[in-house]
Amino acid sequence: MEMFFAPKYEMLDMKTKELRYYGDDSTLDLPLQFTAYADTARATSIVAMDDNIELNRRYNIVGDTKSLRQIGDMLREVTGTPFKLVKQGSLDDLRNKINQQRQSDEGKRNPRSYVINECKLNLFSGKGKFDRVDNDKFEDRFKFTQLRDYLTRAQGRK
């Protein structure tokens, strides 16, 4: 959740009121999954400390699922200002950008220089979406952060 909205991710620009994406028109309605860092930490600590939770398996957790259109609407409601959905290019454009970054001197020295774009590709292609979600293993322990709550808190920090 935090990564998607961080300035370094270059998806949300609070100054220009833009929510940016790669893909086509169908990307605007693609369900995107978000999980707050704190929720991931809580779930991890439960798995590590609770003898009733099965170890040695992967747990997929999702704090909230929203489309870009829904996020744009939510941003308008939270901030009181409309946000424009801005297409930055196609998924192929993003793949090409990643390949160019990998081959660059900076990319060869520092893979972090392109990993954010790989995350964007997984998000906007749908490849990063969990088919199985294990929230039920944790919901009696804590409430997952909802995107609206996160955006409201983030807006209050400004």
C-alpha atoms as a PDB file:
ATOM      1  CA  MET A   1       0.000   0.000   0.000  1.00  0.00           C
ATOM      2  CA  GLU A   2       2.671   2.490   1.042  1.00  0.00           C
ATOM      3  CA  MET A   3       4.888   1.639  -1.908  1.00  0.00           C
ATOM      4  CA  PHE A   4       2.221   2.349  -4.510  1.00  0.00           C
ATOM      5  CA  PHE A   5       1.576   5.816  -3.127  1.00  0.00           C
ATOM      6  CA  ALA A   6       5.183   6.766  -2.347  1.00  0.00           C
ATOM      7  CA  PRO A   7       6.613   9.589  -4.506  1.00  0.00           C
ATOM      8  CA  LYS A   8       9.410   7.275  -5.704  1.00  0.00           C
ATOM      9  CA  TYR A   9       6.793   4.994  -7.291  1.00  0.00           C
ATOM     10  CA  GLU A  10       5.659   7.915  -9.487  1.00  0.00           C
ATOM     11  CA  MET A  11       2.056   6.756  -9.630  1.00  0.00           C
ATOM     12  CA  LEU A  12       0.371   9.366  -7.466  1.00  0.00           C
ATOM     13  CA  ASP A  13       1.239  13.029  -7.835  1.00  0.00           C
ATOM     14  CA  MET A  14      -0.466  15.122  -5.184  1.00  0.00           C
ATOM     15  CA  LYS A  15       0.730  18.403  -6.753  1.00  0.00           C
ATOM     16  CA  THR A  16      -0.685  17.781 -10.235  1.00  0.00           C
ATOM     17  CA  LYS A  17      -3.570  15.642  -8.878  1.00  0.00           C
ATOM     18  CA  GLU A  18      -2.686  12.756 -11.178  1.00  0.00           C
ATOM     19  CA  LEU A  19      -3.019   9.018 -10.696  1.00  0.00           C
ATOM     20  CA  ARG A  20      -0.721   7.430 -13.280  1.00  0.00           C
ATOM     21  CA  TYR A  21      -0.786   3.956 -14.791  1.00  0.00           C
ATOM     22  CA  TYR A  22       0.455   1.749 -17.608  1.00  0.00           C
ATOM     23  CA  GLY A  23      -1.852  -0.390 -19.716  1.00  0.00           C
ATOM     24  CA  ASP A  24      -5.017   0.177 -21.692  1.00  0.00           C
ATOM     25  CA  ASP A  25      -8.552   1.245 -20.806  1.00  0.00           C
ATOM     26  CA  SER A  26      -9.256  -2.149 -19.195  1.00  0.00           C
ATOM     27  CA  THR A  27      -6.468  -1.433 -16.688  1.00  0.00           C
ATOM     28  CA  LEU A  28      -8.670   1.241 -15.120  1.00  0.00           C
ATOM     29  CA  ASP A  29     -11.093  -1.447 -13.882  1.00  0.00           C
ATOM     30  CA  LEU A  30      -8.552  -4.140 -13.002  1.00  0.00           C
ATOM     31  CA  PRO A  31      -8.817  -5.169  -9.335  1.00  0.00           C
ATOM     32  CA  LEU A  32      -5.547  -4.139  -7.669  1.00  0.00           C
ATOM     33  CA  GLN A  33      -4.546  -5.634  -4.325  1.00  0.00           C
ATOM     34  CA  PHE A  34      -2.892  -3.579  -1.582  1.00  0.00           C
ATOM     35  CA  THR A  35      -1.498  -4.508   1.810  1.00  0.00           C
ATOM     36  CA  ALA A  36      -0.012  -2.145   4.377  1.00  0.00           C
ATOM     37  CA  TYR A  37       3.487  -2.856   5.655  1.00  0.00           C
ATOM     38  CA  ALA A  38       2.167  -3.004   9.231  1.00  0.00           C
ATOM     39  CA  ASP A  39      -0.401  -5.659   8.279  1.00  0.00           C
ATOM     40  CA  THR A  40       2.314  -7.760   6.651  1.00  0.00           C
ATOM     41  CA  ALA A  41       4.413  -7.448   9.813  1.00  0.00           C
ATOM     42  CA  ARG A  42       1.457  -8.393  12.036  1.00  0.00           C
ATOM     43  CA  ALA A  43       0.653 -11.482   9.966  1.00  0.00           C
ATOM     44  CA  THR A  44       4.316 -12.498   9.885  1.00  0.00           C
ATOM     45  CA  SER A  45       4.632 -12.234  13.661  1.00  0.00           C
ATOM     46  CA  ILE A  46       1.475 -14.320  14.142  1.00  0.00           C
ATOM     47  CA  VAL A  47       2.856 -17.057  11.899  1.00  0.00           C
ATOM     48  CA  ALA A  48       6.176 -16.961  13.743  1.00  0.00           C
ATOM     49  CA  MET A  49       4.735 -17.026  17.260  1.00  0.00           C
ATOM     50  CA  ASP A  50       1.436 -18.936  17.146  1.00  0.00           C
ATOM     51  CA  ASP A  51       1.781 -22.705  17.476  1.00  0.00           C
ATOM     52  CA  ASN A  52      -1.687 -23.142  15.943  1.00  0.00           C
ATOM     53  CA  ILE A  53      -0.643 -21.580  12.624  1.00  0.00           C
ATOM     54  CA  GLU A  54       0.900 -23.920  10.074  1.00  0.00           C
ATOM     55  CA  LEU A  55       4.531 -23.155   9.292  1.00  0.00           C
ATOM     56  CA  ASN A  56       6.447 -23.780   6.075  1.00  0.00           C
ATOM     57  CA  ARG A  57       3.787 -22.485   3.753  1.00  0.00           C
ATOM     58  CA  ARG A  58       3.060 -19.210   2.039  1.00  0.00           C
ATOM     59  CA  TYR A  59       0.278 -16.976   3.341  1.00  0.00           C
ATOM     60  CA  ASN A  60      -1.220 -14.514   0.882  1.00  0.00           C
ATOM     61  CA  ILE A  61      -2.820 -11.528   2.582  1.00  0.00           C
ATOM     62  CA  VAL A  62      -4.558  -8.532   1.046  1.00  0.00           C
ATOM     63  CA  GLY A  63      -5.570  -5.434   2.946  1.00  0.00           C
ATOM     64  CA  ASP A  64      -7.866  -4.077   0.247  1.00  0.00           C
ATOM     65  CA  THR A  65      -8.730  -4.484  -3.425  1.00  0.00           C
ATOM     66  CA  LYS A  66      -9.654  -1.476  -5.561  1.00  0.00           C
ATOM     67  CA  SER A  67      -9.518  -0.491  -9.232  1.00  0.00           C
ATOM     68  CA  LEU A  68      -7.784   2.670 -10.422  1.00  0.00           C
ATOM     69  CA  ARG A  69     -11.187   4.263 -11.045  1.00  0.00           C
ATOM     70  CA  GLN A  70     -12.197   3.485  -7.460  1.00  0.00           C
ATOM     71  CA  ILE A  71      -8.910   4.866  -6.160  1.00  0.00           C
ATOM     72  CA  GLY A  72      -9.414   8.054  -8.179  1.00  0.00           C
ATOM     73  CA  ASP A  73     -12.899   8.445  -6.704  1.00  0.00           C
ATOM     74  CA  MET A  74     -11.562   7.761  -3.216  1.00  0.00           C
ATOM     75  CA  LEU A  75      -8.815  10.356  -3.625  1.00  0.00           C
ATOM     76  CA  ARG A  76     -11.416  12.932  -4.679  1.00  0.00           C
ATOM     77  CA  GLU A  77     -13.545  12.117  -1.633  1.00  0.00           C
ATOM     78  CA  VAL A  78     -10.585  12.208   0.775  1.00  0.00           C
ATOM     79  CA  THR A  79      -8.900  15.343  -0.612  1.00  0.00           C
ATOM     80  CA  GLY A  80     -11.905  17.217  -1.982  1.00  0.00           C
ATOM     81  CA  THR A  81     -10.099  17.551  -5.335  1.00  0.00           C
ATOM     82  CA  PRO A  82     -10.630  15.523  -8.528  1.00  0.00           C
ATOM     83  CA  PHE A  83      -7.695  13.389  -9.688  1.00  0.00           C
ATOM     84  CA  LYS A  84      -6.969  12.767 -13.347  1.00  0.00           C
ATOM     85  CA  LEU A  85      -6.173   9.206 -14.475  1.00  0.00           C
ATOM     86  CA  VAL A  86      -3.107   9.543 -16.710  1.00  0.00           C
ATOM     87  CA  LYS A  87      -1.872   6.761 -18.947  1.00  0.00           C
ATOM     88  CA  GLN A  88       1.946   6.701 -19.031  1.00  0.00           C
ATOM     89  CA  GLY A  89       2.126   4.109 -21.791  1.00  0.00           C
ATOM     90  CA  SER A  90       1.239   0.540 -22.651  1.00  0.00           C
ATOM     91  CA  LEU A  91       2.407  -2.534 -20.741  1.00  0.00           C
ATOM     92  CA  ASP A  92       4.824  -3.150 -23.624  1.00  0.00           C
ATOM     93  CA  ASP A  93       6.203   0.362 -23.132  1.00  0.00           C
ATOM     94  CA  LEU A  94       6.795  -0.485 -19.482  1.00  0.00           C
ATOM     95  CA  ARG A  95       8.452  -3.821 -20.375  1.00  0.00           C
ATOM     96  CA  ASN A  96      10.760  -1.986 -22.794  1.00  0.00           C
ATOM     97  CA  LYS A  97      11.600   0.595 -20.134  1.00  0.00           C
ATOM     98  CA  ILE A  98      12.498  -2.188 -17.688  1.00  0.00           C
ATOM     99  CA  ASN A  99      14.705  -3.912 -20.270  1.00  0.00           C
ATOM    100  CA  GLN A 100      16.494  -0.644 -21.033  1.00  0.00           C
ATOM    101  CA  GLN A 101      17.009  -0.004 -17.317  1.00  0.00           C
ATOM    102  CA  ARG A 102      18.375  -3.531 -16.777  1.00  0.00           C
ATOM    103  CA  GLN A 103      20.904  -3.053 -19.563  1.00  0.00           C
ATOM    104  CA  SER A 104      22.026   0.370 -18.413  1.00  0.00           C
ATOM    105  CA  ASP A 105      25.193   0.832 -16.365  1.00  0.00           C
ATOM    106  CA  GLU A 106      23.047   1.944 -13.425  1.00  0.00           C
ATOM    107  CA  GLY A 107      20.800  -1.116 -13.767  1.00  0.00           C
ATOM    108  CA  LYS A 108      23.778  -3.463 -13.838  1.00  0.00           C
ATOM    109  CA  ARG A 109      25.184  -1.836 -10.682  1.00  0.00           C
ATOM    110  CA  ASN A 110      21.892  -1.372  -8.890  1.00  0.00           C
ATOM    111  CA  PRO A 111      18.853  -3.578  -9.630  1.00  0.00           C
ATOM    112  CA  ARG A 112      16.787  -1.311  -7.368  1.00  0.00           C
ATOM    113  CA  SER A 113      16.871   1.217 -10.209  1.00  0.00           C
ATOM    114  CA  TYR A 114      14.279  -0.829 -12.118  1.00  0.00           C
ATOM    115  CA  VAL A 115      12.566  -3.005  -9.499  1.00  0.00           C
ATOM    116  CA  ILE A 116       9.841  -0.392  -8.940  1.00  0.00           C
ATOM    117  CA  ASN A 117       8.909  -0.652 -12.616  1.00  0.00           C
ATOM    118  CA  GLU A 118       8.816  -4.450 -12.298  1.00  0.00           C
ATOM    119  CA  CYS A 119       6.355  -4.010  -9.425  1.00  0.00           C
ATOM    120  CA  LYS A 120       4.248  -1.711 -11.609  1.00  0.00           C
ATOM    121  CA  LEU A 121       4.261  -4.300 -14.386  1.00  0.00           C
ATOM    122  CA  ASN A 122       3.067  -7.018 -12.017  1.00  0.00           C
ATOM    123  CA  LEU A 123       0.377  -4.729 -10.637  1.00  0.00           C
ATOM    124  CA  PHE A 124      -1.004  -3.392 -13.927  1.00  0.00           C
ATOM    125  CA  SER A 125      -0.761  -6.672 -15.848  1.00  0.00           C
ATOM    126  CA  GLY A 126      -2.659  -8.540 -13.124  1.00  0.00           C
ATOM    127  CA  LYS A 127       0.258 -10.961 -12.792  1.00  0.00           C
ATOM    128  CA  GLY A 128       0.833  -9.976  -9.158  1.00  0.00           C
ATOM    129  CA  LYS A 129      -2.761 -10.683  -8.066  1.00  0.00           C
ATOM    130  CA  PHE A 130      -3.188 -13.488  -5.553  1.00  0.00           C
ATOM    131  CA  ASP A 131      -5.710 -16.118  -6.611  1.00  0.00           C
ATOM    132  CA  ARG A 132      -5.879 -17.502  -3.076  1.00  0.00           C
ATOM    133  CA  VAL A 133      -6.074 -15.108  -0.131  1.00  0.00           C
ATOM    134  CA  ASP A 134      -5.530 -16.281   3.448  1.00  0.00           C
ATOM    135  CA  ASN A 135      -6.919 -13.308   5.370  1.00  0.00           C
ATOM    136  CA  ASP A 136      -9.256 -15.622   7.281  1.00  0.00           C
ATOM    137  CA  LYS A 137      -6.247 -16.957   9.213  1.00  0.00           C
ATOM    138  CA  PHE A 138      -5.648 -13.499  10.691  1.00  0.00           C
ATOM    139  CA  GLU A 139      -8.942 -11.597  10.759  1.00  0.00           C
ATOM    140  CA  ASP A 140      -9.694 -12.623  14.355  1.00  0.00           C
ATOM    141  CA  ARG A 141      -6.324 -11.109  15.378  1.00  0.00           C
ATOM    142  CA  PHE A 142      -6.353  -7.708  13.679  1.00  0.00           C
ATOM    143  CA  LYS A 143      -8.267  -5.590  11.190  1.00  0.00           C
ATOM    144  CA  PHE A 144      -6.573  -5.195   7.826  1.00  0.00           C
ATOM    145  CA  THR A 145      -5.911  -1.608   6.772  1.00  0.00           C
ATOM    146  CA  GLN A 146      -8.406  -0.400   4.189  1.00  0.00           C
ATOM    147  CA  LEU A 147      -7.220   1.863   1.404  1.00  0.00           C
ATOM    148  CA  ARG A 148      -9.628   4.656   2.336  1.00  0.00           C
ATOM    149  CA  ASP A 149      -8.287   4.645   5.916  1.00  0.00           C
ATOM    150  CA  TYR A 150      -4.698   4.735   4.658  1.00  0.00           C
ATOM    151  CA  LEU A 151      -5.397   7.636   2.276  1.00  0.00           C
ATOM    152  CA  THR A 152      -7.273   9.555   4.956  1.00  0.00           C
ATOM    153  CA  ARG A 153      -4.376   9.179   7.401  1.00  0.00           C
ATOM    154  CA  ALA A 154      -1.845  10.092   4.688  1.00  0.00           C
ATOM    155  CA  GLN A 155      -3.862  13.214   3.821  1.00  0.00           C
ATOM    156  CA  GLY A 156      -3.885  14.216   7.493  1.00  0.00           C
ATOM    157  CA  ARG A 157      -0.066  14.074   7.618  1.00  0.00           C
ATOM    158  CA  LYS A 158       0.284  16.814   5.023  1.00  0.00           C
END
